[in-house]
């Protein structure tokens, strides 16, 4: 009888040890790594810069919109607050070029956010420019929009505004010629 109880105690201790040291029957949770900006290079996601001019009459208001994705680089000249496209110019793109561009945007802090109490740019910097930086068409709903101004110290964009604008403008051949007559 003692032999039987000793064997039973050993078996129970072995089972207890296996359950205790194996972590139970909980399934292993996979680690989810958040996407970085360059992870969107092979997707339909696009990045955009909108340079919105001073606040003036609708007929005189202008904006420049640059949109880049894996297939196309496009610049639009916009008239009025309703977003009527006056002129557009498109250029081809490819995934490798887009990937390099997205890596450069990371260096400029494109995804960084700046904490501010002023979250709405409407009416801000009325005699200067407002800049909107967007990530759009992501399948995982990580789209965002951030902004800054030429008036300084305002906005939700945490990156380097001048560096970011230069990167976008450099994506458009003859950008200065295309936008030279646009009075923001």
Protein backbone atom coordinates (compact mmCIF):
# COMPACT_ATOMS: atom_id res chain seq x y z
CA UNK A 1 0.00 0.00 0.00
CA UNK A 2 2.85 2.39 0.84
CA UNK A 3 4.44 1.62 -2.49
CA UNK A 4 1.19 2.45 -4.31
CA UNK A 5 0.78 5.78 -2.45
CA UNK A 6 4.43 6.73 -3.13
CA UNK A 7 3.98 6.05 -6.87
CA UNK A 8 0.74 8.05 -6.88
CA UNK A 9 2.43 11.01 -5.10
CA UNK A 10 5.33 10.92 -7.61
CA UNK A 11 2.88 10.92 -10.55
CA UNK A 12 0.92 13.85 -9.09
CA UNK A 13 4.17 15.78 -8.49
CA UNK A 14 5.30 15.14 -12.08
CA UNK A 15 1.96 16.34 -13.48
CA UNK A 16 2.03 19.38 -11.20
CA UNK A 17 5.60 20.19 -12.28
CA UNK A 18 4.77 19.89 -15.98
CA UNK A 19 1.74 22.17 -15.64
CA UNK A 20 3.61 24.65 -13.46
CA UNK A 21 6.74 24.95 -15.62
CA UNK A 22 5.05 24.77 -19.02
CA UNK A 23 2.91 27.81 -18.30
CA UNK A 24 -0.31 25.90 -18.35
CA UNK A 25 -2.37 25.45 -21.48
CA UNK A 26 -2.37 29.11 -22.49
CA UNK A 27 -1.77 29.54 -26.22
CA UNK A 28 1.33 31.52 -27.15
CA UNK A 29 0.34 35.05 -28.25
CA UNK A 30 2.24 36.20 -31.34
CA UNK A 31 4.02 39.52 -31.06
CA UNK A 32 2.51 42.11 -33.37
CA UNK A 33 5.08 44.51 -34.74
CA UNK A 34 3.59 47.86 -35.72
CA UNK A 35 4.06 48.90 -39.32
CA UNK A 36 6.65 51.47 -40.17
CA UNK A 37 6.14 53.95 -42.99
CA UNK A 38 8.32 51.98 -45.47
CA UNK A 39 6.14 48.89 -44.85
CA UNK A 40 3.49 50.63 -46.98
CA UNK A 41 5.71 50.74 -50.10
CA UNK A 42 4.12 47.64 -51.63
CA UNK A 43 0.55 48.67 -50.76
CA UNK A 44 -1.97 51.13 -52.18
CA UNK A 45 -1.10 53.66 -49.47
CA UNK A 46 -0.14 57.16 -50.52
CA UNK A 47 1.53 60.10 -48.82
CA UNK A 48 0.50 63.68 -49.46
CA UNK A 49 1.61 67.22 -48.81
CA UNK A 50 -0.85 70.08 -49.19
CA UNK A 51 0.47 73.64 -49.17
CA UNK A 52 -2.54 75.84 -48.49
CA UNK A 53 -2.08 79.56 -49.16
CA UNK A 54 -3.17 82.60 -47.20
CA UNK A 55 -6.80 83.05 -46.32
CA UNK A 56 -8.35 85.28 -48.97
CA UNK A 57 -11.33 85.36 -51.32
CA UNK A 58 -12.43 82.05 -52.79
CA UNK A 59 -11.57 83.09 -56.36
CA UNK A 60 -8.02 84.03 -55.30
CA UNK A 61 -7.31 81.18 -52.90
CA UNK A 62 -4.69 78.65 -54.09
CA UNK A 63 -3.19 75.45 -52.79
CA UNK A 64 -0.64 72.96 -54.10
CA UNK A 65 -1.19 69.25 -53.46
CA UNK A 66 1.57 66.67 -54.03
CA UNK A 67 0.53 63.01 -53.82
CA UNK A 68 3.00 60.14 -54.06
CA UNK A 69 2.28 56.42 -54.22
CA UNK A 70 4.00 53.35 -55.64
CA UNK A 71 2.68 53.99 -59.16
CA UNK A 72 2.43 57.76 -59.52
CA UNK A 73 3.72 61.16 -58.41
CA UNK A 74 1.19 63.92 -58.93
CA UNK A 75 1.05 67.66 -58.33
CA UNK A 76 -2.25 69.55 -58.41
CA UNK A 77 -2.81 73.30 -58.42
CA UNK A 78 -6.06 73.96 -56.58
CA UNK A 79 -8.30 77.02 -56.73
CA UNK A 80 -10.74 77.99 -54.00
CA UNK A 81 -11.76 76.39 -50.75
CA UNK A 82 -13.88 73.73 -52.48
CA UNK A 83 -10.76 72.14 -53.99
CA UNK A 84 -11.28 72.72 -57.73
CA UNK A 85 -8.25 71.40 -59.59
CA UNK A 86 -6.98 74.04 -62.02
CA UNK A 87 -3.95 72.12 -63.28
CA UNK A 88 -2.49 68.67 -62.70
CA UNK A 89 0.73 66.99 -63.73
CA UNK A 90 1.49 63.30 -63.20
CA UNK A 91 4.67 61.28 -63.39
CA UNK A 92 5.23 57.55 -63.15
CA UNK A 93 6.68 55.92 -60.07
CA UNK A 94 7.73 52.45 -58.98
CA UNK A 95 7.81 50.53 -55.73
CA UNK A 96 11.57 50.81 -55.27
CA UNK A 97 11.55 54.60 -55.70
CA UNK A 98 8.53 54.87 -53.38
CA UNK A 99 10.26 52.72 -50.76
CA UNK A 100 13.31 55.02 -50.82
CA UNK A 101 11.06 58.08 -50.56
CA UNK A 102 9.22 56.61 -47.56
CA UNK A 103 12.55 55.88 -45.85
CA UNK A 104 13.57 59.51 -46.44
CA UNK A 105 10.27 60.69 -44.93
CA UNK A 106 11.06 58.66 -41.82
CA UNK A 107 14.33 60.60 -41.56
CA UNK A 108 12.29 63.82 -41.73
CA UNK A 109 9.99 62.64 -38.90
CA UNK A 110 6.92 62.27 -41.14
CA UNK A 111 5.01 60.03 -38.70
CA UNK A 112 5.85 62.02 -35.58
CA UNK A 113 3.11 63.92 -33.82
CA UNK A 114 3.44 67.10 -31.83
CA UNK A 115 1.18 67.58 -28.85
CA UNK A 116 -0.67 70.88 -28.94
CA UNK A 117 -3.87 72.35 -27.60
CA UNK A 118 -4.66 73.76 -31.08
CA UNK A 119 -5.70 70.67 -33.06
CA UNK A 120 -7.77 72.39 -35.78
CA UNK A 121 -5.83 74.37 -38.37
CA UNK A 122 -8.89 76.21 -39.71
CA UNK A 123 -8.14 79.93 -39.74
CA UNK A 124 -4.66 79.49 -38.27
CA UNK A 125 -1.83 81.60 -39.78
CA UNK A 126 -4.23 83.58 -42.03
CA UNK A 127 -1.52 85.56 -43.84
CA UNK A 128 0.86 82.63 -44.24
CA UNK A 129 0.74 79.02 -45.41
CA UNK A 130 -0.67 75.92 -43.76
CA UNK A 131 0.97 72.58 -44.53
CA UNK A 132 -0.91 69.31 -44.24
CA UNK A 133 0.96 65.97 -44.19
CA UNK A 134 -1.11 62.86 -44.82
CA UNK A 135 -0.84 59.09 -45.02
CA UNK A 136 -3.86 57.68 -46.84
CA UNK A 137 -5.35 54.43 -48.17
CA UNK A 138 -3.75 52.11 -45.64
CA UNK A 139 -5.55 48.81 -45.27
CA UNK A 140 -4.98 48.71 -41.51
CA UNK A 141 -6.64 52.11 -40.80
CA UNK A 142 -3.38 53.79 -39.78
CA UNK A 143 -4.22 56.81 -41.96
CA UNK A 144 -3.33 60.15 -40.44
CA UNK A 145 -3.26 63.87 -41.10
CA UNK A 146 -0.97 66.35 -39.35
CA UNK A 147 -0.33 70.03 -39.99
CA UNK A 148 2.07 72.91 -39.47
CA UNK A 149 2.25 76.54 -40.60
CA UNK A 150 4.72 79.09 -41.93
CA UNK A 151 3.90 81.21 -38.86
CA UNK A 152 5.90 78.84 -36.66
CA UNK A 153 5.22 77.08 -33.39
CA UNK A 154 1.82 75.77 -34.37
CA UNK A 155 0.50 72.44 -35.51
CA UNK A 156 0.39 68.74 -34.84
CA UNK A 157 3.24 67.80 -37.20
CA UNK A 158 6.19 66.59 -35.14
CA UNK A 159 8.67 66.19 -37.99
CA UNK A 160 10.89 68.69 -39.76
CA UNK A 161 8.52 70.74 -41.98
CA UNK A 162 11.07 72.36 -44.33
CA UNK A 163 12.95 69.07 -44.84
CA UNK A 164 9.68 67.22 -45.52
CA UNK A 165 8.48 69.84 -48.02
CA UNK A 166 11.81 69.65 -49.88
CA UNK A 167 11.52 65.86 -50.13
CA UNK A 168 8.03 66.17 -51.65
CA UNK A 169 8.99 68.97 -54.03
CA UNK A 170 12.02 66.95 -55.21
CA UNK A 171 9.67 64.19 -56.33
CA UNK A 172 8.20 66.45 -59.01
CA UNK A 173 10.41 67.24 -62.03
CA UNK A 174 10.48 70.99 -62.71
CA UNK A 175 8.44 71.65 -59.57
CA UNK A 176 9.50 75.31 -59.46
CA UNK A 177 8.46 75.86 -63.10
CA UNK A 178 5.09 74.16 -62.54
CA UNK A 179 4.29 76.20 -59.44
CA UNK A 180 6.05 79.47 -60.28
CA UNK A 181 2.85 81.36 -61.15
CA UNK A 182 0.88 80.07 -58.17
CA UNK A 183 0.33 82.85 -55.66
CA UNK A 184 -0.25 81.25 -52.32
